[in-house]
Protein backbone atom coordinates (compact mmCIF):
# COMPACT_ATOMS: atom_id res chain seq x y z
CA UNK A 1 24.12 -8.21 -11.40
CA UNK A 2 21.13 -9.97 -13.14
CA UNK A 3 20.78 -9.73 -16.87
CA UNK A 4 17.89 -8.01 -18.28
CA UNK A 5 16.23 -10.96 -19.64
CA UNK A 6 16.10 -12.29 -16.13
CA UNK A 7 14.77 -9.26 -14.56
CA UNK A 8 11.82 -9.66 -16.91
CA UNK A 9 11.58 -13.32 -16.56
CA UNK A 10 8.03 -13.12 -14.64
CA UNK A 11 6.44 -11.71 -17.93
CA UNK A 12 6.83 -14.89 -19.79
CA UNK A 13 3.78 -16.30 -17.51
CA UNK A 14 0.27 -15.42 -19.06
CA UNK A 15 -1.40 -15.41 -15.53
CA UNK A 16 1.31 -13.02 -14.27
CA UNK A 17 0.81 -10.59 -16.99
CA UNK A 18 -2.85 -10.49 -16.42
CA UNK A 19 -2.36 -10.02 -12.74
CA UNK A 20 -0.04 -7.18 -13.35
CA UNK A 21 -2.97 -5.66 -15.32
CA UNK A 22 -5.23 -6.36 -12.20
CA UNK A 23 -2.90 -4.79 -9.95
CA UNK A 24 -2.28 -1.70 -12.23
CA UNK A 25 -6.04 -0.97 -13.05
CA UNK A 26 -7.11 -1.69 -9.45
CA UNK A 27 -4.46 0.68 -7.97
CA UNK A 28 -5.53 3.49 -10.22
CA UNK A 29 -9.10 3.25 -9.37
CA UNK A 30 -8.50 2.96 -5.45
CA UNK A 31 -6.17 5.95 -5.64
CA UNK A 32 -8.54 7.95 -7.51
CA UNK A 33 -11.13 7.22 -5.19
CA UNK A 34 -8.66 8.24 -2.27
CA UNK A 35 -7.91 11.49 -3.97
CA UNK A 36 -11.54 12.33 -4.39
CA UNK A 37 -12.72 11.31 -1.05
CA UNK A 38 -10.01 13.22 0.55
CA UNK A 39 -10.61 16.48 -1.36
CA UNK A 40 -14.36 16.10 -1.11
CA UNK A 41 -14.31 15.56 2.69
CA UNK A 42 -11.78 18.56 3.18
CA UNK A 43 -14.21 20.90 1.01
CA UNK A 44 -17.21 19.98 2.95
CA UNK A 45 -15.61 20.19 6.44
CA UNK A 46 -12.25 22.17 6.47
CA UNK A 47 -11.26 19.68 9.23
CA UNK A 48 -8.03 17.98 9.50
CA UNK A 49 -9.52 15.61 12.23
CA UNK A 50 -12.20 14.38 9.63
CA UNK A 51 -9.32 13.66 7.14
CA UNK A 52 -7.81 11.66 9.84
CA UNK A 53 -10.99 9.96 10.39
CA UNK A 54 -10.93 8.51 6.98
CA UNK A 55 -7.75 6.72 7.74
CA UNK A 56 -9.33 5.15 10.82
CA UNK A 57 -12.31 3.79 8.88
CA UNK A 58 -10.23 2.38 6.36
CA UNK A 59 -7.51 0.80 9.02
CA UNK A 60 -10.35 -0.82 11.37
CA UNK A 61 -11.60 -3.65 8.74
CA UNK A 62 -8.06 -4.42 8.07
CA UNK A 63 -7.14 -5.25 11.54
CA UNK A 64 -10.46 -6.38 12.70
CA UNK A 65 -10.68 -8.70 10.02
CA UNK A 66 -7.31 -9.95 9.57
CA UNK A 67 -7.51 -13.33 10.97
CA UNK A 68 -10.71 -14.01 8.79
CA UNK A 69 -9.03 -12.64 5.49
CA UNK A 70 -6.15 -14.56 5.96
CA UNK A 71 -8.12 -18.00 6.45
CA UNK A 72 -10.25 -17.05 3.45
CA UNK A 73 -7.12 -16.61 1.27
CA UNK A 74 -5.79 -20.18 2.67
CA UNK A 75 -9.03 -21.98 2.48
CA UNK A 76 -10.73 -20.93 -0.90
CA UNK A 77 -9.39 -20.43 -4.24
CA UNK A 78 -7.41 -17.29 -4.29
CA UNK A 79 -8.09 -16.07 -7.86
CA UNK A 80 -11.99 -16.50 -7.13
CA UNK A 81 -11.54 -14.32 -3.91
CA UNK A 82 -9.63 -11.77 -5.65
CA UNK A 83 -12.56 -11.74 -8.41
CA UNK A 84 -15.27 -11.46 -5.75
CA UNK A 85 -13.72 -8.55 -3.98
CA UNK A 86 -13.15 -6.46 -7.28
CA UNK A 87 -16.94 -7.12 -7.76
CA UNK A 88 -17.43 -5.60 -4.50
CA UNK A 89 -15.14 -2.80 -5.34
CA UNK A 90 -17.39 -1.97 -8.41
CA UNK A 91 -20.47 -1.68 -6.18
CA UNK A 92 -18.38 0.74 -3.68
CA UNK A 93 -17.39 2.95 -6.43
CA UNK A 94 -20.85 3.24 -7.68
CA UNK A 95 -22.07 3.84 -4.09
CA UNK A 96 -19.60 6.87 -3.69
CA UNK A 97 -21.09 8.30 -6.69
CA UNK A 98 -24.69 8.05 -5.20
CA UNK A 99 -23.59 9.72 -1.90
CA UNK A 100 -21.78 12.44 -3.89
CA UNK A 101 -24.78 13.38 -5.77
CA UNK A 102 -27.44 13.01 -3.18
CA UNK A 103 -25.84 13.11 0.47
CA UNK A 104 -25.46 16.91 0.33
CA UNK A 105 -22.94 18.29 3.07
CA UNK A 106 -23.48 15.13 5.31
CA UNK A 107 -20.31 13.17 5.93
CA UNK A 108 -21.40 9.67 7.43
CA UNK A 109 -22.39 8.11 4.29
CA UNK A 110 -18.89 8.90 3.06
CA UNK A 111 -17.49 7.18 6.03
CA UNK A 112 -20.02 4.30 5.72
CA UNK A 113 -18.89 3.70 1.95
CA UNK A 114 -15.31 4.17 2.91
CA UNK A 115 -15.81 1.33 5.29
CA UNK A 116 -17.09 -1.07 2.83
CA UNK A 117 -14.19 -0.07 0.61
CA UNK A 118 -11.66 -1.03 3.40
CA UNK A 119 -13.38 -4.50 3.89
CA UNK A 120 -13.39 -5.39 0.31
CA UNK A 121 -9.60 -4.36 0.18
CA UNK A 122 -9.02 -6.32 3.43
CA UNK A 123 -10.17 -9.62 1.87
CA UNK A 124 -8.66 -8.92 -1.56
CA UNK A 125 -5.06 -7.97 -0.54
CA UNK A 126 -3.85 -10.77 1.34
CA UNK A 127 -5.35 -13.40 -1.54
CA UNK A 128 -3.84 -11.37 -4.13
CA UNK A 129 -0.55 -11.19 -2.52
CA UNK A 130 -0.58 -14.91 -1.59
CA UNK A 131 -1.42 -15.77 -5.26
CA UNK A 132 1.80 -14.41 -6.79
CA UNK A 133 4.05 -17.32 -6.11
CA UNK A 134 1.34 -19.68 -7.79
CA UNK A 135 1.87 -17.39 -11.00
CA UNK A 136 5.56 -17.99 -11.64
CA UNK A 137 8.15 -20.70 -10.97
CA UNK A 138 10.04 -20.18 -7.94
CA UNK A 139 13.07 -19.13 -9.52
CA UNK A 140 11.23 -16.36 -11.13
CA UNK A 141 9.75 -15.13 -7.85
CA UNK A 142 12.16 -12.41 -7.07
CA UNK A 143 11.36 -10.99 -10.61
CA UNK A 144 7.77 -11.13 -9.82
CA UNK A 145 8.09 -9.35 -6.64
CA UNK A 146 10.38 -6.47 -7.80
CA UNK A 147 7.87 -6.06 -10.91
CA UNK A 148 4.88 -6.11 -8.65
CA UNK A 149 6.30 -3.03 -6.94
CA UNK A 150 7.29 -1.25 -10.01
CA UNK A 151 3.61 -1.70 -11.73
CA UNK A 152 2.03 -0.66 -8.40
CA UNK A 153 4.27 2.54 -8.32
CA UNK A 154 3.42 3.18 -11.93
CA UNK A 155 -0.29 3.10 -11.04
CA UNK A 156 0.38 5.35 -7.91
CA UNK A 157 1.84 7.83 -10.13
CA UNK A 158 -1.00 7.67 -12.53
CA UNK A 159 -3.96 7.33 -10.28
CA UNK A 160 -3.87 10.40 -7.97
CA UNK A 161 -2.80 12.65 -10.87
CA UNK A 162 -5.84 11.22 -12.99
CA UNK A 163 -8.25 11.38 -10.01
CA UNK A 164 -7.20 15.00 -9.45
CA UNK A 165 -7.49 15.99 -13.26
CA UNK A 166 -10.84 14.40 -13.50
CA UNK A 167 -12.21 16.14 -10.21
CA UNK A 168 -10.80 19.66 -11.25
CA UNK A 169 -12.24 19.01 -14.96
CA UNK A 170 -15.66 17.98 -13.94
CA UNK A 171 -15.85 20.37 -10.80
CA UNK A 172 -16.84 17.18 -8.61
CA UNK A 173 -16.08 13.86 -7.37
CA UNK A 174 -18.98 11.87 -9.22
CA UNK A 175 -17.04 11.54 -12.33
CA UNK A 176 -14.11 10.40 -10.55
CA UNK A 177 -15.99 7.55 -8.74
CA UNK A 178 -17.75 6.40 -12.27
CA UNK A 179 -14.13 6.33 -13.83
CA UNK A 180 -13.10 4.14 -10.95
CA UNK A 181 -16.09 1.78 -11.30
CA UNK A 182 -15.31 1.43 -15.18
CA UNK A 183 -11.68 0.60 -14.19
CA UNK A 184 -12.64 -1.88 -11.50
CA UNK A 185 -14.92 -3.74 -14.13
CA UNK A 186 -11.88 -3.99 -16.59
CA UNK A 187 -9.80 -5.42 -13.82
CA UNK A 188 -12.57 -8.13 -12.76
CA UNK A 189 -12.76 -9.47 -16.36
CA UNK A 190 -8.80 -9.71 -16.30
CA UNK A 191 -9.27 -11.63 -13.16
CA UNK A 192 -11.71 -13.94 -14.95
CA UNK A 193 -9.22 -14.64 -17.55
CA UNK A 194 -6.59 -16.21 -15.36
CA UNK A 195 -5.98 -19.88 -15.55
CA UNK A 196 -4.55 -20.23 -12.30
CA UNK A 197 -6.63 -22.37 -9.70
CA UNK A 198 -5.11 -22.77 -6.01
CA UNK A 199 -8.01 -24.66 -4.54
CA UNK A 200 -7.68 -25.04 -0.67
CA UNK A 201 -4.28 -24.50 0.71
CA UNK A 202 -4.67 -25.08 4.61
CA UNK A 203 -6.14 -28.57 4.94
CA UNK A 204 -6.29 -28.74 8.65
CA UNK A 205 -9.52 -28.02 10.48
CA UNK A 206 -10.14 -24.79 11.71
CA UNK A 207 -8.74 -24.41 15.30
CA UNK A 208 -7.07 -21.75 17.63
CA UNK A 209 -3.71 -23.25 16.10
CA UNK A 210 -4.45 -22.51 12.52
CA UNK A 211 -6.32 -19.21 13.30
CA UNK A 212 -3.04 -17.74 14.91
CA UNK A 213 -0.70 -19.71 12.59
CA UNK A 214 0.23 -16.42 10.76
CA UNK A 215 0.72 -14.20 13.87
CA UNK A 216 2.95 -16.91 15.33
CA UNK A 217 5.09 -17.44 12.41
CA UNK A 218 5.67 -13.77 12.01
CA UNK A 219 6.44 -13.58 15.84
CA UNK A 220 9.11 -16.23 15.64
CA UNK A 221 10.66 -15.03 12.41
CA UNK A 222 12.34 -12.02 13.93
CA UNK A 223 13.89 -10.81 10.56
CA UNK A 224 10.37 -10.53 9.21
CA UNK A 225 8.94 -9.12 12.35
CA UNK A 226 11.71 -6.52 12.48
CA UNK A 227 11.58 -5.21 8.99
CA UNK A 228 7.68 -5.15 8.76
CA UNK A 229 7.60 -3.43 12.17
CA UNK A 230 10.18 -0.96 11.18
CA UNK A 231 8.07 0.00 8.16
CA UNK A 232 5.10 0.36 10.42
CA UNK A 233 6.38 2.74 13.11
CA UNK A 234 8.48 4.93 10.25
CA UNK A 235 5.54 5.47 8.25
CA UNK A 236 2.99 5.85 10.95
CA UNK A 237 4.88 8.85 12.42
CA UNK A 238 6.62 9.89 9.21
CA UNK A 239 3.68 9.56 6.74
CA UNK A 240 2.12 12.93 5.57
CA UNK A 241 -0.26 11.49 3.02
CA UNK A 242 -3.46 12.45 4.94
CA UNK A 243 -2.61 16.26 5.17
CA UNK A 244 -1.56 16.49 1.51
CA UNK A 245 -4.98 18.03 0.95
CA UNK A 246 -4.04 20.63 3.58
CA UNK A 247 -0.93 21.49 2.14
CA UNK A 248 -2.46 21.62 -1.56
CA UNK A 249 -5.27 23.74 -0.45
CA UNK A 250 -3.72 26.23 2.34
CA UNK A 251 -0.13 26.19 2.04
CA UNK A 252 1.24 25.62 -1.36
CA UNK A 253 -2.04 26.99 -3.10
CA UNK A 254 -1.98 24.13 -5.78
CA UNK A 255 -5.68 23.37 -6.05
CA UNK A 256 -6.89 19.60 -6.79
CA UNK A 257 -4.62 19.26 -9.74
CA UNK A 258 -1.85 20.18 -7.47
CA UNK A 259 -3.01 17.63 -5.11
CA UNK A 260 -3.06 14.89 -7.70
CA UNK A 261 0.66 15.59 -8.42
CA UNK A 262 1.74 15.75 -5.02
CA UNK A 263 -0.17 12.34 -4.13
CA UNK A 264 1.92 10.79 -7.11
CA UNK A 265 5.31 12.17 -6.18
CA UNK A 266 6.23 9.52 -3.71
CA UNK A 267 5.39 6.90 -6.44
CA UNK A 268 7.77 8.56 -9.15
CA UNK A 269 10.60 8.11 -6.69
CA UNK A 270 9.56 4.64 -5.61
CA UNK A 271 8.96 3.64 -9.16
CA UNK A 272 12.33 4.54 -10.31
CA UNK A 273 13.97 2.55 -7.43
CA UNK A 274 11.93 -0.56 -8.12
CA UNK A 275 12.89 -0.72 -11.64
CA UNK A 276 16.42 0.02 -10.48
CA UNK A 277 16.26 -3.05 -7.94
CA UNK A 278 14.44 -5.34 -10.68
CA UNK A 279 17.50 -5.04 -13.00
CA UNK A 280 20.28 -4.50 -10.28
CA UNK A 281 19.13 -6.44 -7.08
CA UNK A 282 20.35 -5.83 -3.76
CA UNK A 283 23.31 -8.08 -3.29
CA UNK A 284 25.22 -6.88 -0.07
CA UNK A 285 24.32 -5.18 3.26
CA UNK A 286 20.78 -5.47 2.50
CA UNK A 287 19.84 -4.68 6.39
CA UNK A 288 21.94 -1.74 6.86
CA UNK A 289 20.66 -0.19 3.31
CA UNK A 290 17.17 -0.68 4.30
CA UNK A 291 17.99 1.13 7.70
CA UNK A 292 19.71 4.22 5.93
CA UNK A 293 16.88 4.48 3.67
CA UNK A 294 14.27 4.69 6.28
CA UNK A 295 16.57 7.39 7.67
CA UNK A 296 16.42 9.40 4.49
CA UNK A 297 12.58 8.89 4.47
CA UNK A 298 12.44 10.65 7.61
CA UNK A 299 14.62 13.58 6.48
CA UNK A 300 12.71 14.10 3.26
CA UNK A 301 9.53 14.13 5.40
CA UNK A 302 11.22 17.07 7.65
CA UNK A 303 11.94 18.94 4.29
CA UNK A 304 8.47 18.32 2.95
CA UNK A 305 6.85 19.90 6.11
CA UNK A 306 8.94 23.03 6.32
CA UNK A 307 9.02 23.82 2.49
CA UNK A 308 6.77 26.38 1.09
CA UNK A 309 7.70 26.16 -2.64
CA UNK A 310 5.96 23.74 -4.88
CA UNK A 311 8.94 22.27 -6.48
CA UNK A 312 10.84 21.72 -3.41
CA UNK A 313 7.76 19.83 -1.81
CA UNK A 314 7.43 17.65 -5.03
CA UNK A 315 11.03 16.70 -4.95
CA UNK A 316 10.93 16.02 -1.13
CA UNK A 317 7.89 13.67 -1.77
CA UNK A 318 9.91 11.88 -4.63
CA UNK A 319 12.75 11.13 -2.31
CA UNK A 320 10.09 9.76 0.43
CA UNK A 321 8.89 7.46 -2.08
CA UNK A 322 12.32 6.21 -3.32
CA UNK A 323 13.80 5.80 -0.02
CA UNK A 324 10.53 3.98 1.19
CA UNK A 325 10.71 1.49 -1.73
CA UNK A 326 13.79 -0.18 -0.40
CA UNK A 327 12.17 -1.42 2.50
CA UNK A 328 8.96 -2.36 0.49
CA UNK A 329 11.07 -4.61 -1.77
CA UNK A 330 12.91 -6.29 1.44
CA UNK A 331 9.85 -6.98 3.31
CA UNK A 332 7.98 -8.34 0.47
CA UNK A 333 10.47 -10.46 -0.68
CA UNK A 334 11.15 -11.97 2.96
CA UNK A 335 7.33 -12.63 3.38
CA UNK A 336 6.93 -14.33 -0.07
CA UNK A 337 10.13 -16.37 0.16
CA UNK A 338 10.24 -17.44 3.78
CA UNK A 339 6.54 -18.47 4.08
CA UNK A 340 5.13 -22.01 3.27
CA UNK A 341 2.52 -21.95 0.64
CA UNK A 342 -0.23 -23.11 2.84
CA UNK A 343 -0.04 -20.27 5.30
CA UNK A 344 0.98 -17.68 2.97
CA UNK A 345 -2.77 -15.90 3.12
CA UNK A 346 -2.51 -15.57 6.76
CA UNK A 347 1.07 -14.26 6.72
CA UNK A 348 0.12 -11.87 4.01
CA UNK A 349 -2.70 -11.04 6.42
CA UNK A 350 -0.48 -9.90 9.04
CA UNK A 351 1.66 -8.17 6.74
CA UNK A 352 -1.38 -5.98 5.52
CA UNK A 353 -2.25 -5.28 9.19
CA UNK A 354 1.07 -3.69 9.56
CA UNK A 355 0.86 -1.94 6.21
CA UNK A 356 -2.61 -0.69 6.96
CA UNK A 357 -1.76 0.52 10.43
CA UNK A 358 1.20 2.44 8.87
CA UNK A 359 -0.79 4.06 6.31
CA UNK A 360 -4.47 4.09 7.36
CA UNK A 361 -3.76 4.50 11.21
CA UNK A 362 -0.91 6.82 10.37
CA UNK A 363 -3.38 9.04 8.64
CA UNK A 364 -5.54 9.01 11.80
CA UNK A 365 -2.38 10.04 13.70
CA UNK A 366 -1.43 12.63 11.30
CA UNK A 367 -4.98 14.50 11.53
CA UNK A 368 -5.11 14.21 15.25
CA UNK A 369 -1.66 15.63 15.63
CA UNK A 370 -2.31 18.54 13.06
CA UNK A 371 -5.32 19.27 14.98
CA UNK A 372 -3.41 19.64 18.30
CA UNK A 373 -0.23 21.12 16.96
CA UNK A 374 -0.96 22.59 13.52
CA UNK A 375 -0.29 20.74 10.12
CA UNK A 376 3.43 21.79 9.72
CA UNK A 377 4.44 20.98 13.17
CA UNK A 378 2.90 17.41 12.74
CA UNK A 379 4.74 16.53 9.74
CA UNK A 380 8.09 17.85 10.81
CA UNK A 381 7.90 16.01 14.20
CA UNK A 382 6.64 12.94 12.62
CA UNK A 383 9.77 12.94 10.24
CA UNK A 384 11.96 13.38 13.40
CA UNK A 385 10.10 10.43 15.05
CA UNK A 386 10.81 8.25 11.95
CA UNK A 387 14.38 8.77 12.19
CA UNK A 388 14.35 8.12 16.10
CA UNK A 389 12.57 4.72 15.09
CA UNK A 390 15.70 3.88 12.78
CA UNK A 391 18.01 4.53 15.54
CA UNK A 392 15.92 2.40 17.99
CA UNK A 393 15.59 -0.60 15.77
CA UNK A 394 19.37 -0.36 14.75
CA UNK A 395 20.07 -1.05 18.36
CA UNK A 396 16.98 -3.34 19.42
CA UNK A 397 17.10 -5.36 16.27
CA UNK A 398 20.79 -6.15 15.29
CA UNK A 399 19.47 -9.04 13.12
CA UNK A 400 18.29 -6.45 10.60
CA UNK A 401 21.85 -4.95 10.54
CA UNK A 402 23.20 -8.28 9.90
CA UNK A 403 20.90 -9.02 6.94
CA UNK A 404 23.43 -9.41 3.96
CA UNK A 405 21.32 -10.94 1.17
CA UNK A 406 17.66 -11.61 0.04
CA UNK A 407 18.76 -14.87 -1.53
CA UNK A 408 16.91 -16.85 1.14
CA UNK A 409 15.80 -20.57 0.72
CA UNK A 410 12.12 -20.78 -0.42
CA UNK A 411 10.26 -23.03 1.95
CA UNK A 412 7.51 -24.27 0.12
CA UNK A 413 5.65 -22.72 -3.06
CA UNK A 414 3.03 -25.41 -3.23
C-alpha cells in the first residue's frame, strides 16, 4: 500500500498542478456544452435518432483525423498544441451561443459547430495525454495517472450538474455556452503559464512507417489492445449517455436539472474509485479485477434501464461509473508506461479513437437502437451485450486474465 505522500507526489510539480487546472476547467466546459446541446436538440426535435447523430458528428473527426492528430502531438511542442486547441474551443463555445440565439429550430448549425468542437478536441486530447509523462518524473507517473482520472471525474460531476442548473435557471442554452467560453479562456491562460517545452519528439521523416507506427505498436502489444478494445465494446453496447435526456424528460420526469444530476452520477462513482486507487493501488489480479468490474458495469446498466425511480437510477449510474473507472486506470497506465516518448502522441491518438468509438459512436448506437426498439429495451439489451463482451474477452484474451500488476518497466519518458 502506498503512503499518502507518495500518492500525492505528482502535485509537487508546478506544471502538473497547472495541467490539472486545465483538465478540470476544460472538462467542466466541455460537459456543460454536452448537456446543453443534448437538451437543446431533444427539445427541438423530440428525436432519439437526432440525439444519436450528435455522437456520430463527434466521433467522425476523432477517427478520421487520428493519424494526423497523433503526428501533430509527436512533431510539434505538445504544450503549444494544447494551447491552440483550447483557443479554438473558445471560438466553438461562442459559435454555439450564436446558433442558439439565431438559428431558430434549424438543427444543421448545431451539428456543424459540434463537428468543429470534435475536431478541436481530436487534436487536443492526444497532445494532452502524451504531455503527462513530461510533467513529472517517471517514478511519479502512476500518481499522475490516478490523480488525472480523479480530477477529470471531479469535473465530470460538476460540469453536467452546473450545465443543467444554468440551463434551467436561464431557461435556455445560450448562458451555458457563454459560461463554457469563459472557462476555456481561463484554461488557455493556465496552459500559457506552463514551463514545459517538449519540442519535436519524432525525429524521423514522415513516411507510411511513421504514420502507422502507433497502430502497429498497439496491435503488437496484445495487453494494450485487449484492454482498450474491451472498454470499446463494453461501453459501445452498454453506454446510455445519449439517452439520458429521454430518461430525464419522459421516464423519470426530472427536467434539465435532473438530467445534469444523472449525467454527473457516473462520475461520482468513478471519482471515489479513482481516489481509492491513488491511495491504494491495484497490486494483484489486476486483469481479473478489470474483467469483473466491466461485468458489474453491464449489470448496473441493466438496472438503470429497468428503473422508474430517480434514486434507484442515480445509484445504478454511480455503480456504472465506479466499475468503469477500474478499466480506465488500467488502460491509461498501460498506455503511458509502455509507450516510448517519441511515439506517445500516436499511441494516445489510437487510444482516443477507441475511447471516441465507445463514447460518441456508442451514443449513435444507442440512438439508433432506441429508435428501433424503444428507449428502455435499447439500454437493457446494451447492458446484457456488455456482459457478453466480458465473457468473450475472458475466453479470447487470456493475457488480460493473467495480468497481475501494473508495475511494468517504463520504456522511455524522453
